């Protein structure tokens, strides 16, 4: 019974995290249908939506979940599954969302994906350690708003969902799967570096 509650909470957190991602992508499709063609503006709006949704749902930000603990993989699994199903639904209803995620003006670089996963996790974890009672980590999204939405906000489960549900012509599937694994490693490295630099000694 002791193990059921943490697992249940991880499932809820994963579903809530995916809902934030789905809302962000849906907002792009909705605004595009209203005639908003500016890619940078759409990226900013989607970033505000995902950050605001995470804050309103009162769940830990995506970058606060570990990849090294088995219990957190329940969260990541649900995060990916719900995000993939929701994203497939959104791009079916709003094809402009697919075009946005595969924007040809945005470069596809493996180094960008890995650095983004490392940088956002390191910044979010550092902020959480320095100001644990504040929602400072939500502002980390804004620091990368101009590039993060096109890379699943540098969150591996979202990027994997994006790869499966809304593949891009210039991003080979096998390469994208390898990049997803690399993002997991980069995110965990960013977390551990922040712990090493900022965690108080006991």
Protein backbone atom coordinates (compact mmCIF):
# COMPACT_ATOMS: atom_id res chain seq x y z
CA UNK A 1 0.00 0.00 0.00
CA UNK A 2 2.91 2.31 0.70
CA UNK A 3 4.12 2.03 -2.90
CA UNK A 4 0.70 2.56 -4.55
CA UNK A 5 0.27 6.21 -3.58
CA UNK A 6 3.62 7.43 -4.96
CA UNK A 7 3.00 5.53 -8.21
CA UNK A 8 -0.51 6.97 -8.49
CA UNK A 9 0.85 10.46 -7.98
CA UNK A 10 3.47 9.92 -10.68
CA UNK A 11 0.73 8.85 -13.11
CA UNK A 12 -1.30 11.96 -12.31
CA UNK A 13 1.75 14.18 -12.66
CA UNK A 14 2.59 12.60 -16.03
CA UNK A 15 -0.92 13.11 -17.38
CA UNK A 16 -0.98 16.72 -16.15
CA UNK A 17 2.42 17.38 -17.70
CA UNK A 18 1.22 16.00 -21.04
CA UNK A 19 -1.92 18.15 -20.84
CA UNK A 20 0.27 21.27 -20.62
CA UNK A 21 2.16 20.23 -23.76
CA UNK A 22 -1.05 19.42 -25.65
CA UNK A 23 -2.55 22.78 -24.69
CA UNK A 24 0.54 24.58 -25.97
CA UNK A 25 0.43 22.86 -29.36
CA UNK A 26 -3.34 23.26 -29.64
CA UNK A 27 -2.99 26.99 -29.02
CA UNK A 28 -0.71 27.20 -32.05
CA UNK A 29 -3.26 25.46 -34.26
CA UNK A 30 -6.07 27.66 -32.97
CA UNK A 31 -4.16 30.91 -33.51
CA UNK A 32 -3.03 29.79 -36.96
CA UNK A 33 -6.65 29.20 -37.92
CA UNK A 34 -7.40 32.77 -36.81
CA UNK A 35 -4.72 34.02 -39.19
CA UNK A 36 -1.64 34.41 -36.98
CA UNK A 37 1.25 33.46 -39.30
CA UNK A 38 4.19 34.76 -37.27
CA UNK A 39 6.21 31.73 -36.16
CA UNK A 40 8.08 33.58 -33.42
CA UNK A 41 4.84 34.93 -31.95
CA UNK A 42 3.34 31.44 -32.01
CA UNK A 43 6.43 30.09 -30.25
CA UNK A 44 6.09 32.73 -27.54
CA UNK A 45 2.39 32.03 -27.03
CA UNK A 46 2.91 28.26 -26.88
CA UNK A 47 5.69 28.76 -24.34
CA UNK A 48 3.49 30.98 -22.17
CA UNK A 49 0.71 28.40 -22.41
CA UNK A 50 2.89 25.45 -21.40
CA UNK A 51 4.49 27.35 -18.51
CA UNK A 52 1.17 28.74 -17.33
CA UNK A 53 -0.52 25.35 -17.57
CA UNK A 54 2.19 23.67 -15.51
CA UNK A 55 1.79 26.41 -12.91
CA UNK A 56 -2.02 26.20 -12.78
CA UNK A 57 -2.04 22.42 -12.58
CA UNK A 58 0.21 22.67 -9.52
CA UNK A 59 2.42 19.76 -10.51
CA UNK A 60 6.21 19.67 -10.54
CA UNK A 61 7.64 21.15 -13.73
CA UNK A 62 8.68 18.52 -16.29
CA UNK A 63 12.35 19.16 -15.64
CA UNK A 64 12.03 18.33 -11.94
CA UNK A 65 11.35 14.63 -12.58
CA UNK A 66 14.38 12.38 -12.54
CA UNK A 67 15.29 9.83 -15.19
CA UNK A 68 17.50 7.80 -12.86
CA UNK A 69 14.74 6.52 -10.53
CA UNK A 70 12.40 3.75 -11.65
CA UNK A 71 9.39 5.31 -9.89
CA UNK A 72 9.70 8.42 -12.08
CA UNK A 73 9.57 6.32 -15.24
CA UNK A 74 5.89 5.79 -14.52
CA UNK A 75 5.46 9.54 -14.82
CA UNK A 76 7.57 9.74 -17.97
CA UNK A 77 5.71 6.84 -19.56
CA UNK A 78 2.30 8.40 -18.98
CA UNK A 79 3.68 11.79 -19.99
CA UNK A 80 4.77 10.35 -23.35
CA UNK A 81 1.65 8.24 -23.99
CA UNK A 82 -0.87 10.98 -23.21
CA UNK A 83 1.20 13.58 -25.06
CA UNK A 84 1.44 11.36 -28.15
CA UNK A 85 -2.29 10.62 -28.23
CA UNK A 86 -3.20 14.24 -27.55
CA UNK A 87 -0.72 15.56 -30.11
CA UNK A 88 -2.02 13.19 -32.78
CA UNK A 89 -5.53 14.48 -32.09
CA UNK A 90 -4.41 18.10 -32.23
CA UNK A 91 -2.48 17.83 -35.50
CA UNK A 92 -5.41 15.97 -37.04
CA UNK A 93 -7.74 18.82 -36.12
CA UNK A 94 -5.22 21.61 -36.74
CA UNK A 95 -2.74 20.69 -39.51
CA UNK A 96 -1.06 24.06 -38.95
CA UNK A 97 0.24 22.68 -35.66
CA UNK A 98 2.20 20.03 -37.55
CA UNK A 99 3.61 22.69 -39.87
CA UNK A 100 4.64 24.74 -36.84
CA UNK A 101 6.45 21.85 -35.15
CA UNK A 102 8.30 21.13 -38.40
CA UNK A 103 9.00 24.78 -39.25
CA UNK A 104 11.68 24.66 -41.99
CA UNK A 105 13.27 27.91 -40.80
CA UNK A 106 14.16 26.27 -37.49
CA UNK A 107 17.41 24.30 -37.82
CA UNK A 108 17.43 20.62 -36.91
CA UNK A 109 20.64 19.97 -34.99
CA UNK A 110 21.33 17.13 -32.59
CA UNK A 111 23.58 19.47 -30.60
CA UNK A 112 20.66 21.88 -30.05
CA UNK A 113 18.46 19.10 -28.67
CA UNK A 114 21.13 17.83 -26.29
CA UNK A 115 22.27 21.25 -25.12
CA UNK A 116 18.66 22.35 -24.62
CA UNK A 117 17.82 19.30 -22.51
CA UNK A 118 20.95 19.81 -20.43
CA UNK A 119 20.57 23.57 -20.09
CA UNK A 120 16.89 23.68 -19.20
CA UNK A 121 17.20 20.88 -16.64
CA UNK A 122 20.31 22.42 -15.10
CA UNK A 123 18.66 25.84 -14.83
CA UNK A 124 15.39 24.45 -13.49
CA UNK A 125 17.09 22.25 -10.90
CA UNK A 126 19.42 25.08 -9.84
CA UNK A 127 16.43 27.40 -9.39
CA UNK A 128 14.57 24.74 -7.42
CA UNK A 129 17.52 24.28 -5.07
CA UNK A 130 18.07 28.00 -4.56
CA UNK A 131 14.38 28.93 -4.24
CA UNK A 132 12.49 25.73 -3.39
CA UNK A 133 9.24 27.48 -2.42
CA UNK A 134 8.99 29.58 -5.58
CA UNK A 135 7.86 28.66 -9.10
CA UNK A 136 10.98 30.17 -10.61
CA UNK A 137 11.56 27.13 -12.80
CA UNK A 138 8.53 28.07 -14.91
CA UNK A 139 10.45 31.07 -16.23
CA UNK A 140 13.06 28.70 -17.63
CA UNK A 141 10.64 27.99 -20.47
CA UNK A 142 10.74 31.64 -21.51
CA UNK A 143 14.52 31.68 -21.79
CA UNK A 144 14.31 29.27 -24.72
CA UNK A 145 10.90 30.22 -26.19
CA UNK A 146 12.35 30.94 -29.64
CA UNK A 147 13.60 27.37 -30.14
CA UNK A 148 12.22 25.07 -27.41
CA UNK A 149 8.70 24.45 -28.83
CA UNK A 150 10.17 22.92 -31.98
CA UNK A 151 12.18 20.45 -29.88
CA UNK A 152 9.39 19.34 -27.57
CA UNK A 153 10.45 22.07 -25.11
CA UNK A 154 13.60 19.95 -24.63
CA UNK A 155 11.65 17.48 -22.49
CA UNK A 156 12.42 13.95 -23.73
CA UNK A 157 8.89 12.44 -23.35
CA UNK A 158 7.36 15.37 -25.25
CA UNK A 159 10.02 15.23 -27.95
CA UNK A 160 9.43 11.50 -28.34
CA UNK A 161 5.67 12.10 -28.60
CA UNK A 162 6.35 14.76 -31.21
CA UNK A 163 8.59 12.35 -33.12
CA UNK A 164 5.95 9.61 -33.17
CA UNK A 165 2.72 11.60 -33.57
CA UNK A 166 3.97 14.44 -35.76
CA UNK A 167 7.17 13.38 -37.55
CA UNK A 168 9.13 15.91 -39.57
CA UNK A 169 10.56 15.14 -43.01
CA UNK A 170 14.04 16.41 -42.11
CA UNK A 171 14.23 14.40 -38.88
CA UNK A 172 14.80 10.68 -39.58
CA UNK A 173 12.95 8.44 -37.13
CA UNK A 174 15.97 6.44 -36.00
CA UNK A 175 18.00 9.61 -35.52
CA UNK A 176 15.19 11.19 -33.53
CA UNK A 177 14.91 8.13 -31.28
CA UNK A 178 18.65 8.27 -30.62
CA UNK A 179 18.36 11.99 -29.87
CA UNK A 180 15.56 11.25 -27.39
CA UNK A 181 17.86 8.86 -25.53
CA UNK A 182 20.58 11.50 -25.64
CA UNK A 183 18.19 14.09 -24.18
CA UNK A 184 17.47 11.75 -21.27
CA UNK A 185 21.19 11.45 -20.53
CA UNK A 186 21.77 15.19 -21.00
CA UNK A 187 18.87 16.06 -18.69
CA UNK A 188 20.14 13.75 -15.97
CA UNK A 189 23.64 15.20 -16.36
CA UNK A 190 22.21 18.71 -15.97
CA UNK A 191 20.34 17.70 -12.82
CA UNK A 192 23.39 16.07 -11.27
CA UNK A 193 25.59 19.06 -12.06
CA UNK A 194 23.08 21.36 -10.37
CA UNK A 195 22.95 19.04 -7.34
CA UNK A 196 26.74 19.07 -7.15
CA UNK A 197 26.96 22.85 -7.43
CA UNK A 198 24.02 24.00 -5.33
CA UNK A 199 22.75 21.26 -3.03
CA UNK A 200 23.59 22.17 0.59
CA UNK A 201 25.91 19.75 2.32
CA UNK A 202 24.36 17.73 5.12
